[in-house]
Amino acid sequence: MSAPPWTPAAAAEAAARRFLARTGGRVEVRADLSSGGGGGGSGFVARPVVGLQPAVIYALDRGDDLDLRISVGAIARVDRAAAFAAAADGADAVPLPGLKYVAVDMLPCPGLVLDTGAAGGAASSAAAVEADGAAAAAAAAGAAPAADAPGEGDGVRGWTVLARTPTSSLPAAAEGVKVWLLRDGRLRVELSTGAFALAGAVRPALLAAAGVHHVADASAPLGTWFQVRQPIQLVLDVTAGIED
């Protein structure tokens, strides 16, 4: 039987440990996606909450090319004119009205996850994403970062990564949570919080293609996940347009 189209879990976990060692346990993601382009959606898409209108979720999913998924919950769809009516003249940004929570479900880690696992190779890193300086520079150049040992690089295929936080979402009142509505209609999400682990999972599409079936509510199959437990500082600063 041929090898599965993803990096083995032990190698992916080792790469995650080296990544965290290089960054001192800091995962920093900075991206301006305002120009759009690429797969997976170019902005925050407003989605009504079934049964709880007028509540809305602004969801950003760049899974095809950037492995970045964020959701922002609000009491109601934003009215930009009303939001800026009471703002100081010339203000370019105001706190998002009615903000309830922010959730981060998937993260880009340049130097750790560089390959989607699809035919054709590495994922796009055209967006301005930064982790540690060396890895970000390598990603921007379209190359894998320097290996930490002969024959070892951190480019792992077919995995998504997330930082595990104590709760699945962070309330608006939590320290380090800021969401700004920009006058030109974009959203800027700023987040600084702690996490207790960096976790990885093989992409569901690859599992399905390989005939590996995951039963709902059951543990993930052995070899399709990893988790590195240690204190992590998660810093996020992402700007993107709103698609109503």
C-alpha atoms as a PDB file:
ATOM      1  CA  MET A   1       0.000   0.000   0.000  1.00  0.00           C
ATOM      2  CA  SER A   2       1.345   3.424  -0.938  1.00  0.00           C
ATOM      3  CA  ALA A   3       2.203   5.982   1.725  1.00  0.00           C
ATOM      4  CA  PRO A   4      -0.579   8.475   2.552  1.00  0.00           C
ATOM      5  CA  PRO A   5      -0.285  11.948   0.948  1.00  0.00           C
ATOM      6  CA  TRP A   6       0.557  13.688   4.218  1.00  0.00           C
ATOM      7  CA  THR A   7       3.623  13.968   6.399  1.00  0.00           C
ATOM      8  CA  PRO A   8       3.625  11.295   9.150  1.00  0.00           C
ATOM      9  CA  ALA A   9       2.270  12.538  12.477  1.00  0.00           C
ATOM     10  CA  ALA A  10       5.579  12.047  14.319  1.00  0.00           C
ATOM     11  CA  ALA A  11       7.436  14.183  11.773  1.00  0.00           C
ATOM     12  CA  ALA A  12       4.720  16.855  11.804  1.00  0.00           C
ATOM     13  CA  GLU A  13       4.827  16.988  15.614  1.00  0.00           C
ATOM     14  CA  ALA A  14       8.624  17.272  15.577  1.00  0.00           C
ATOM     15  CA  ALA A  15       8.343  20.149  13.109  1.00  0.00           C
ATOM     16  CA  ALA A  16       5.827  21.870  15.404  1.00  0.00           C
ATOM     17  CA  ARG A  17       8.209  21.522  18.341  1.00  0.00           C
ATOM     18  CA  ARG A  18      11.069  23.046  16.335  1.00  0.00           C
ATOM     19  CA  PHE A  19       8.777  25.864  15.196  1.00  0.00           C
ATOM     20  CA  LEU A  20       7.835  26.706  18.793  1.00  0.00           C
ATOM     21  CA  ALA A  21      11.464  26.479  19.897  1.00  0.00           C
ATOM     22  CA  ARG A  22      12.478  28.981  17.210  1.00  0.00           C
ATOM     23  CA  THR A  23       9.699  31.434  18.061  1.00  0.00           C
ATOM     24  CA  GLY A  24       9.988  31.099  21.831  1.00  0.00           C
ATOM     25  CA  GLY A  25       6.442  29.755  22.050  1.00  0.00           C
ATOM     26  CA  ARG A  26       4.997  32.699  20.122  1.00  0.00           C
ATOM     27  CA  VAL A  27       2.624  32.293  17.173  1.00  0.00           C
ATOM     28  CA  GLU A  28       2.254  35.631  15.413  1.00  0.00           C
ATOM     29  CA  VAL A  29       0.014  36.120  12.375  1.00  0.00           C
ATOM     30  CA  ARG A  30      -0.242  39.453  10.581  1.00  0.00           C
ATOM     31  CA  ALA A  31      -2.121  39.641   7.300  1.00  0.00           C
ATOM     32  CA  ASP A  32      -3.840  42.275   5.180  1.00  0.00           C
ATOM     33  CA  LEU A  33      -6.187  40.429   2.820  1.00  0.00           C
ATOM     34  CA  SER A  34      -7.942  43.526   1.550  1.00  0.00           C
ATOM     35  CA  SER A  35      -6.778  43.020  -2.023  1.00  0.00           C
ATOM     36  CA  GLY A  36      -8.681  39.726  -2.226  1.00  0.00           C
ATOM     37  CA  GLY A  37      -7.676  37.070  -4.710  1.00  0.00           C
ATOM     38  CA  GLY A  38      -6.777  33.448  -4.063  1.00  0.00           C
ATOM     39  CA  GLY A  39      -9.082  30.673  -2.990  1.00  0.00           C
ATOM     40  CA  GLY A  40     -11.204  30.223   0.070  1.00  0.00           C
ATOM     41  CA  GLY A  41     -12.889  33.640   0.064  1.00  0.00           C
ATOM     42  CA  SER A  42     -11.330  37.076   0.091  1.00  0.00           C
ATOM     43  CA  GLY A  43     -13.104  38.686   3.030  1.00  0.00           C
ATOM     44  CA  PHE A  44     -15.364  38.368   6.052  1.00  0.00           C
ATOM     45  CA  VAL A  45     -18.673  36.929   4.848  1.00  0.00           C
ATOM     46  CA  ALA A  46     -21.756  38.013   6.825  1.00  0.00           C
ATOM     47  CA  ARG A  47     -23.870  34.988   7.773  1.00  0.00           C
ATOM     48  CA  PRO A  48     -27.120  35.197   9.770  1.00  0.00           C
ATOM     49  CA  VAL A  49     -27.420  33.081  12.898  1.00  0.00           C
ATOM     50  CA  VAL A  50     -30.355  30.728  12.310  1.00  0.00           C
ATOM     51  CA  GLY A  51     -33.089  31.369  14.868  1.00  0.00           C
ATOM     52  CA  LEU A  52     -31.241  34.303  16.429  1.00  0.00           C
ATOM     53  CA  GLN A  53     -31.761  37.105  13.913  1.00  0.00           C
ATOM     54  CA  PRO A  54     -30.595  39.820  13.721  1.00  0.00           C
ATOM     55  CA  ALA A  55     -27.398  38.258  15.133  1.00  0.00           C
ATOM     56  CA  VAL A  56     -24.700  37.694  12.517  1.00  0.00           C
ATOM     57  CA  ILE A  57     -21.361  35.940  12.174  1.00  0.00           C
ATOM     58  CA  TYR A  58     -18.606  37.488  10.081  1.00  0.00           C
ATOM     59  CA  ALA A  59     -16.648  34.447   8.913  1.00  0.00           C
ATOM     60  CA  LEU A  60     -13.261  34.529   7.196  1.00  0.00           C
ATOM     61  CA  ASP A  61     -12.067  31.244   5.695  1.00  0.00           C
ATOM     62  CA  ARG A  62      -8.872  31.197   3.651  1.00  0.00           C
ATOM     63  CA  GLY A  63      -8.329  27.454   3.919  1.00  0.00           C
ATOM     64  CA  ASP A  64      -7.314  26.985   0.290  1.00  0.00           C
ATOM     65  CA  ASP A  65      -4.266  29.190   0.255  1.00  0.00           C
ATOM     66  CA  LEU A  66      -3.535  30.619   3.684  1.00  0.00           C
ATOM     67  CA  ASP A  67      -4.930  28.210   6.291  1.00  0.00           C
ATOM     68  CA  LEU A  68      -6.621  31.017   8.184  1.00  0.00           C
ATOM     69  CA  ARG A  69     -10.124  30.775   9.640  1.00  0.00           C
ATOM     70  CA  ILE A  70     -11.643  33.406  11.951  1.00  0.00           C
ATOM     71  CA  SER A  71     -15.216  34.089  13.030  1.00  0.00           C
ATOM     72  CA  VAL A  72     -16.554  37.240  14.686  1.00  0.00           C
ATOM     73  CA  GLY A  73     -19.993  37.241  16.325  1.00  0.00           C
ATOM     74  CA  ALA A  74     -22.076  40.420  16.596  1.00  0.00           C
ATOM     75  CA  ILE A  75     -25.547  41.327  17.845  1.00  0.00           C
ATOM     76  CA  ALA A  76     -26.621  42.523  14.393  1.00  0.00           C
ATOM     77  CA  ARG A  77     -25.309  43.230  10.920  1.00  0.00           C
ATOM     78  CA  VAL A  78     -23.206  46.355  11.063  1.00  0.00           C
ATOM     79  CA  ASP A  79     -24.545  49.677   9.805  1.00  0.00           C
ATOM     80  CA  ARG A  80     -21.374  51.505   8.845  1.00  0.00           C
ATOM     81  CA  ALA A  81     -23.032  54.909   8.465  1.00  0.00           C
ATOM     82  CA  ALA A  82     -24.599  54.676  11.911  1.00  0.00           C
ATOM     83  CA  ALA A  83     -21.378  53.377  13.470  1.00  0.00           C
ATOM     84  CA  PHE A  84     -19.414  56.380  12.246  1.00  0.00           C
ATOM     85  CA  ALA A  85     -22.173  58.948  12.869  1.00  0.00           C
ATOM     86  CA  ALA A  86     -21.096  59.313  16.495  1.00  0.00           C
ATOM     87  CA  ALA A  87     -17.371  58.903  15.790  1.00  0.00           C
ATOM     88  CA  ALA A  88     -14.963  61.781  15.933  1.00  0.00           C
ATOM     89  CA  ASP A  89     -14.555  63.625  12.673  1.00  0.00           C
ATOM     90  CA  GLY A  90     -11.837  62.015  10.617  1.00  0.00           C
ATOM     91  CA  ALA A  91     -11.812  58.773  12.598  1.00  0.00           C
ATOM     92  CA  ASP A  92     -10.723  55.910  10.372  1.00  0.00           C
ATOM     93  CA  ALA A  93     -11.857  53.135  12.714  1.00  0.00           C
ATOM     94  CA  VAL A  94     -14.405  52.464  15.453  1.00  0.00           C
ATOM     95  CA  PRO A  95     -14.908  49.394  17.658  1.00  0.00           C
ATOM     96  CA  LEU A  96     -17.243  46.934  15.943  1.00  0.00           C
ATOM     97  CA  PRO A  97     -20.745  47.688  17.304  1.00  0.00           C
ATOM     98  CA  GLY A  98     -22.385  44.797  19.132  1.00  0.00           C
ATOM     99  CA  LEU A  99     -19.280  42.606  19.195  1.00  0.00           C
ATOM    100  CA  LYS A 100     -19.894  39.387  21.160  1.00  0.00           C
ATOM    101  CA  TYR A 101     -16.938  37.082  20.542  1.00  0.00           C
ATOM    102  CA  VAL A 102     -13.955  36.167  18.356  1.00  0.00           C
ATOM    103  CA  ALA A 103     -12.951  32.593  17.488  1.00  0.00           C
ATOM    104  CA  VAL A 104      -9.829  31.393  15.683  1.00  0.00           C
ATOM    105  CA  ASP A 105     -10.144  27.923  14.175  1.00  0.00           C
ATOM    106  CA  MET A 106      -7.148  27.648  11.872  1.00  0.00           C
ATOM    107  CA  LEU A 107      -3.757  29.371  11.709  1.00  0.00           C
ATOM    108  CA  PRO A 108      -1.020  29.865   9.132  1.00  0.00           C
ATOM    109  CA  CYS A 109       2.386  28.978  10.553  1.00  0.00           C
ATOM    110  CA  PRO A 110       5.020  29.881   7.926  1.00  0.00           C
ATOM    111  CA  GLY A 111       7.855  27.419   8.197  1.00  0.00           C
ATOM    112  CA  LEU A 112       5.601  24.744   9.667  1.00  0.00           C
ATOM    113  CA  VAL A 113       2.698  24.234   7.249  1.00  0.00           C
ATOM    114  CA  LEU A 114       3.800  25.203   3.751  1.00  0.00           C
ATOM    115  CA  ASP A 115       2.170  22.518   1.629  1.00  0.00           C
ATOM    116  CA  THR A 116      -1.536  21.885   1.145  1.00  0.00           C
ATOM    117  CA  GLY A 117      -0.899  18.267   0.264  1.00  0.00           C
ATOM    118  CA  ALA A 118      -2.534  18.779  -3.121  1.00  0.00           C
ATOM    119  CA  ALA A 119      -0.761  18.004  -6.354  1.00  0.00           C
ATOM    120  CA  GLY A 120       1.379  20.932  -7.337  1.00  0.00           C
ATOM    121  CA  GLY A 121       3.118  21.593  -4.047  1.00  0.00           C
ATOM    122  CA  ALA A 122       3.370  24.484  -1.671  1.00  0.00           C
ATOM    123  CA  ALA A 123       0.575  26.760  -0.577  1.00  0.00           C
ATOM    124  CA  SER A 124       0.594  30.401  -1.601  1.00  0.00           C
ATOM    125  CA  SER A 125       2.217  32.785   0.847  1.00  0.00           C
ATOM    126  CA  ALA A 126       1.549  35.996  -1.078  1.00  0.00           C
ATOM    127  CA  ALA A 127      -0.287  37.576   1.858  1.00  0.00           C
ATOM    128  CA  ALA A 128       1.767  39.470   4.399  1.00  0.00           C
ATOM    129  CA  VAL A 129       1.988  36.804   7.073  1.00  0.00           C
ATOM    130  CA  GLU A 130       4.659  36.831   9.733  1.00  0.00           C
ATOM    131  CA  ALA A 131       5.713  34.264  12.327  1.00  0.00           C
ATOM    132  CA  ASP A 132       9.414  34.427  13.150  1.00  0.00           C
ATOM    133  CA  GLY A 133      11.425  36.572  10.769  1.00  0.00           C
ATOM    134  CA  ALA A 134      13.452  33.844   9.096  1.00  0.00           C
ATOM    135  CA  ALA A 135      10.466  31.605   8.434  1.00  0.00           C
ATOM    136  CA  ALA A 136       8.380  34.500   7.105  1.00  0.00           C
ATOM    137  CA  ALA A 137      11.140  35.535   4.728  1.00  0.00           C
ATOM    138  CA  ALA A 138      11.485  31.969   3.469  1.00  0.00           C
ATOM    139  CA  ALA A 139       7.723  31.673   2.981  1.00  0.00           C
ATOM    140  CA  ALA A 140       7.571  34.968   1.067  1.00  0.00           C
ATOM    141  CA  ALA A 141      10.296  33.678  -1.237  1.00  0.00           C
ATOM    142  CA  GLY A 142       8.364  30.491  -1.835  1.00  0.00           C
ATOM    143  CA  ALA A 143      11.026  28.326  -0.228  1.00  0.00           C
ATOM    144  CA  ALA A 144      11.109  26.073   2.794  1.00  0.00           C
ATOM    145  CA  PRO A 145      13.007  27.477   5.794  1.00  0.00           C
ATOM    146  CA  ALA A 146      16.504  26.314   6.624  1.00  0.00           C
ATOM    147  CA  ALA A 147      16.518  22.877   8.193  1.00  0.00           C
ATOM    148  CA  ASP A 148      17.393  22.506  11.842  1.00  0.00           C
ATOM    149  CA  ALA A 149      19.231  19.238  11.193  1.00  0.00           C
ATOM    150  CA  PRO A 150      20.574  17.468   8.099  1.00  0.00           C
ATOM    151  CA  GLY A 151      17.669  16.188   6.032  1.00  0.00           C
ATOM    152  CA  GLU A 152      15.041  17.811   8.243  1.00  0.00           C
ATOM    153  CA  GLY A 153      12.852  20.711   7.164  1.00  0.00           C
ATOM    154  CA  ASP A 154       9.622  22.036   8.603  1.00  0.00           C
ATOM    155  CA  GLY A 155       7.573  21.879   5.410  1.00  0.00           C
ATOM    156  CA  VAL A 156       4.870  19.359   6.311  1.00  0.00           C
ATOM    157  CA  ARG A 157       2.211  18.205   3.870  1.00  0.00           C
ATOM    158  CA  GLY A 158      -1.515  17.868   4.384  1.00  0.00           C
ATOM    159  CA  TRP A 159      -1.994  19.283   7.898  1.00  0.00           C
ATOM    160  CA  THR A 160      -3.958  22.171   9.371  1.00  0.00           C
ATOM    161  CA  VAL A 161      -2.861  23.758  12.619  1.00  0.00           C
ATOM    162  CA  LEU A 162      -4.586  25.597  15.440  1.00  0.00           C
ATOM    163  CA  ALA A 163      -3.585  27.008  18.787  1.00  0.00           C
ATOM    164  CA  ARG A 164      -5.727  25.489  21.523  1.00  0.00           C
ATOM    165  CA  THR A 165      -7.159  28.088  23.885  1.00  0.00           C
ATOM    166  CA  PRO A 166      -8.968  27.382  27.181  1.00  0.00           C
ATOM    167  CA  THR A 167     -12.298  28.298  25.547  1.00  0.00           C
ATOM    168  CA  SER A 168     -13.444  27.832  21.944  1.00  0.00           C
ATOM    169  CA  SER A 169     -14.070  31.567  21.559  1.00  0.00           C
ATOM    170  CA  LEU A 170     -12.997  34.719  23.340  1.00  0.00           C
ATOM    171  CA  PRO A 171     -15.700  37.124  24.561  1.00  0.00           C
ATOM    172  CA  ALA A 172     -15.620  40.738  23.454  1.00  0.00           C
ATOM    173  CA  ALA A 173     -14.759  41.875  26.974  1.00  0.00           C
ATOM    174  CA  ALA A 174     -11.698  39.619  27.220  1.00  0.00           C
ATOM    175  CA  GLU A 175      -8.345  41.322  27.553  1.00  0.00           C
ATOM    176  CA  GLY A 176      -6.466  41.526  24.256  1.00  0.00           C
ATOM    177  CA  VAL A 177      -9.580  41.247  22.033  1.00  0.00           C
ATOM    178  CA  LYS A 178     -10.194  44.153  19.651  1.00  0.00           C
ATOM    179  CA  VAL A 179     -12.248  44.248  16.458  1.00  0.00           C
ATOM    180  CA  TRP A 180     -12.322  47.471  14.468  1.00  0.00           C
ATOM    181  CA  LEU A 181     -14.739  48.551  11.782  1.00  0.00           C
ATOM    182  CA  LEU A 182     -12.815  50.653   9.267  1.00  0.00           C
ATOM    183  CA  ARG A 183     -14.453  53.555   7.487  1.00  0.00           C
ATOM    184  CA  ASP A 184     -13.852  51.928   4.105  1.00  0.00           C
ATOM    185  CA  GLY A 185     -15.861  48.858   5.131  1.00  0.00           C
ATOM    186  CA  ARG A 186     -13.124  46.466   6.200  1.00  0.00           C
ATOM    187  CA  LEU A 187     -12.760  44.623   9.506  1.00  0.00           C
ATOM    188  CA  ARG A 188      -9.539  44.494  11.497  1.00  0.00           C
ATOM    189  CA  VAL A 189      -9.235  41.758  14.125  1.00  0.00           C
ATOM    190  CA  GLU A 190      -6.544  42.155  16.782  1.00  0.00           C
ATOM    191  CA  LEU A 191      -6.051  39.389  19.294  1.00  0.00           C
ATOM    192  CA  SER A 192      -3.420  38.760  21.950  1.00  0.00           C
ATOM    193  CA  THR A 193      -4.072  35.794  24.197  1.00  0.00           C
ATOM    194  CA  GLY A 194      -2.575  32.666  25.672  1.00  0.00           C
ATOM    195  CA  ALA A 195      -2.934  29.120  24.381  1.00  0.00           C
ATOM    196  CA  PHE A 196      -1.953  25.855  26.008  1.00  0.00           C
ATOM    197  CA  ALA A 197      -1.066  23.758  22.939  1.00  0.00           C
ATOM    198  CA  LEU A 198      -0.374  23.739  19.226  1.00  0.00           C
ATOM    199  CA  ALA A 199      -2.440  21.019  17.566  1.00  0.00           C
ATOM    200  CA  GLY A 200      -2.522  19.589  14.063  1.00  0.00           C
ATOM    201  CA  ALA A 201      -4.985  17.467  12.107  1.00  0.00           C
ATOM    202  CA  VAL A 202      -4.795  15.897   8.662  1.00  0.00           C
ATOM    203  CA  ARG A 203      -7.077  17.674   6.206  1.00  0.00           C
ATOM    204  CA  PRO A 204     -10.452  15.886   5.961  1.00  0.00           C
ATOM    205  CA  ALA A 205     -10.356  15.821   2.158  1.00  0.00           C
ATOM    206  CA  LEU A 206      -7.078  13.902   2.215  1.00  0.00           C
ATOM    207  CA  LEU A 207      -8.444  11.421   4.759  1.00  0.00           C
ATOM    208  CA  ALA A 208     -11.495  10.803   2.608  1.00  0.00           C
ATOM    209  CA  ALA A 209      -9.389  10.376  -0.530  1.00  0.00           C
ATOM    210  CA  ALA A 210      -7.226   7.837   1.295  1.00  0.00           C
ATOM    211  CA  GLY A 211     -10.275   5.905   2.477  1.00  0.00           C
ATOM    212  CA  VAL A 212      -9.797   6.869   6.134  1.00  0.00           C
ATOM    213  CA  HIS A 213     -13.212   7.483   7.679  1.00  0.00           C
ATOM    214  CA  HIS A 214     -13.710   9.405  10.906  1.00  0.00           C
ATOM    215  CA  VAL A 215     -16.894   8.504  12.756  1.00  0.00           C
ATOM    216  CA  ALA A 216     -18.622  11.525  14.311  1.00  0.00           C
ATOM    217  CA  ASP A 217     -17.966  11.895  18.069  1.00  0.00           C
ATOM    218  CA  ALA A 218     -15.234   9.229  17.919  1.00  0.00           C
ATOM    219  CA  SER A 219     -11.534   9.809  18.503  1.00  0.00           C
ATOM    220  CA  ALA A 220      -9.541  10.760  15.410  1.00  0.00           C
ATOM    221  CA  PRO A 221      -7.719   7.801  13.834  1.00  0.00           C
ATOM    222  CA  LEU A 222      -4.210   7.239  15.164  1.00  0.00           C
ATOM    223  CA  GLY A 223      -1.618   9.023  13.070  1.00  0.00           C
ATOM    224  CA  THR A 224      -3.967  11.769  11.872  1.00  0.00           C
ATOM    225  CA  TRP A 225      -3.441  14.266  14.691  1.00  0.00           C
ATOM    226  CA  PHE A 226      -0.781  15.631  17.036  1.00  0.00           C
ATOM    227  CA  GLN A 227      -0.653  18.044  19.950  1.00  0.00           C
ATOM    228  CA  VAL A 228       2.281  19.860  21.536  1.00  0.00           C
ATOM    229  CA  ARG A 229       1.358  21.121  24.985  1.00  0.00           C
ATOM    230  CA  GLN A 230       3.235  24.172  26.238  1.00  0.00           C
ATOM    231  CA  PRO A 231       2.398  27.807  27.041  1.00  0.00           C
ATOM    232  CA  ILE A 232       1.921  29.723  23.787  1.00  0.00           C
ATOM    233  CA  GLN A 233       1.424  33.418  23.127  1.00  0.00           C
ATOM    234  CA  LEU A 234      -0.972  33.916  20.214  1.00  0.00           C
ATOM    235  CA  VAL A 235      -0.882  37.300  18.468  1.00  0.00           C
ATOM    236  CA  LEU A 236      -3.248  37.969  15.573  1.00  0.00           C
ATOM    237  CA  ASP A 237      -3.676  41.115  13.459  1.00  0.00           C
ATOM    238  CA  VAL A 238      -5.776  40.471  10.348  1.00  0.00           C
ATOM    239  CA  THR A 239      -7.594  42.945   8.094  1.00  0.00           C
ATOM    240  CA  ALA A 240     -10.043  41.976   5.342  1.00  0.00           C
ATOM    241  CA  GLY A 241     -13.096  43.353   3.580  1.00  0.00           C
ATOM    242  CA  ILE A 242     -16.703  42.523   4.438  1.00  0.00           C
ATOM    243  CA  GLU A 243     -18.777  40.616   1.885  1.00  0.00           C
ATOM    244  CA  ASP A 244     -22.468  41.142   2.707  1.00  0.00           C
END
